[in-house]
């Protein structure tokens, strides 16, 4: 039971979570910009 494999696994999981958060943030920003554009046009 060495700490290296578990550390690499946790790092990979954290990177995956960060990637998902980044994707969700970009989607939310795009939606907000789209709504703002619609309200600005209307």
C-alpha atoms as a PDB file:
ATOM      1  CA  UNK A   1       0.000   0.000   0.000  1.00  0.00           C
ATOM      2  CA  UNK A   2       2.179   2.827  -1.245  1.00  0.00           C
ATOM      3  CA  UNK A   3       0.892   6.406  -1.459  1.00  0.00           C
ATOM      4  CA  UNK A   4       1.919   7.034  -5.068  1.00  0.00           C
ATOM      5  CA  UNK A   5      -0.883   5.130  -6.893  1.00  0.00           C
ATOM      6  CA  UNK A   6      -3.584   6.621  -4.659  1.00  0.00           C
ATOM      7  CA  UNK A   7      -2.147  10.120  -5.158  1.00  0.00           C
ATOM      8  CA  UNK A   8      -2.171   9.708  -8.940  1.00  0.00           C
ATOM      9  CA  UNK A   9      -5.759   8.442  -8.808  1.00  0.00           C
ATOM     10  CA  UNK A  10      -6.935  11.337  -6.660  1.00  0.00           C
ATOM     11  CA  UNK A  11      -5.122  13.817  -8.921  1.00  0.00           C
ATOM     12  CA  UNK A  12      -6.788  12.330 -11.998  1.00  0.00           C
ATOM     13  CA  UNK A  13     -10.189  12.532 -10.309  1.00  0.00           C
ATOM     14  CA  UNK A  14      -9.599  16.142  -9.285  1.00  0.00           C
ATOM     15  CA  UNK A  15      -8.588  17.048 -12.835  1.00  0.00           C
ATOM     16  CA  UNK A  16     -11.745  15.394 -14.175  1.00  0.00           C
ATOM     17  CA  UNK A  17     -13.890  17.312 -11.670  1.00  0.00           C
ATOM     18  CA  UNK A  18     -12.173  20.572 -12.604  1.00  0.00           C
ATOM     19  CA  UNK A  19     -12.806  19.840 -16.282  1.00  0.00           C
ATOM     20  CA  UNK A  20     -16.491  19.209 -15.607  1.00  0.00           C
ATOM     21  CA  UNK A  21     -16.749  22.398 -13.570  1.00  0.00           C
ATOM     22  CA  UNK A  22     -15.057  24.350 -16.346  1.00  0.00           C
ATOM     23  CA  UNK A  23     -17.460  22.939 -18.940  1.00  0.00           C
ATOM     24  CA  UNK A  24     -20.475  23.772 -16.770  1.00  0.00           C
ATOM     25  CA  UNK A  25     -19.182  27.291 -16.170  1.00  0.00           C
ATOM     26  CA  UNK A  26     -18.659  27.872 -19.892  1.00  0.00           C
ATOM     27  CA  UNK A  27     -22.177  26.611 -20.646  1.00  0.00           C
ATOM     28  CA  UNK A  28     -23.681  28.863 -17.968  1.00  0.00           C
ATOM     29  CA  UNK A  29     -21.750  31.861 -19.302  1.00  0.00           C
ATOM     30  CA  UNK A  30     -22.918  31.143 -22.855  1.00  0.00           C
ATOM     31  CA  UNK A  31     -26.545  30.892 -21.679  1.00  0.00           C
ATOM     32  CA  UNK A  32     -26.299  34.109 -19.687  1.00  0.00           C
ATOM     33  CA  UNK A  33     -24.728  35.930 -22.640  1.00  0.00           C
ATOM     34  CA  UNK A  34     -27.455  34.596 -24.922  1.00  0.00           C
ATOM     35  CA  UNK A  35     -30.209  35.745 -22.571  1.00  0.00           C
ATOM     36  CA  UNK A  36     -28.535  39.142 -22.164  1.00  0.00           C
ATOM     37  CA  UNK A  37     -28.340  39.465 -25.966  1.00  0.00           C
ATOM     38  CA  UNK A  38     -32.001  38.548 -26.363  1.00  0.00           C
ATOM     39  CA  UNK A  39     -33.069  41.095 -23.730  1.00  0.00           C
ATOM     40  CA  UNK A  40     -30.808  43.730 -25.322  1.00  0.00           C
ATOM     41  CA  UNK A  41     -32.323  43.120 -28.766  1.00  0.00           C
ATOM     42  CA  UNK A  42     -35.877  43.058 -27.459  1.00  0.00           C
END
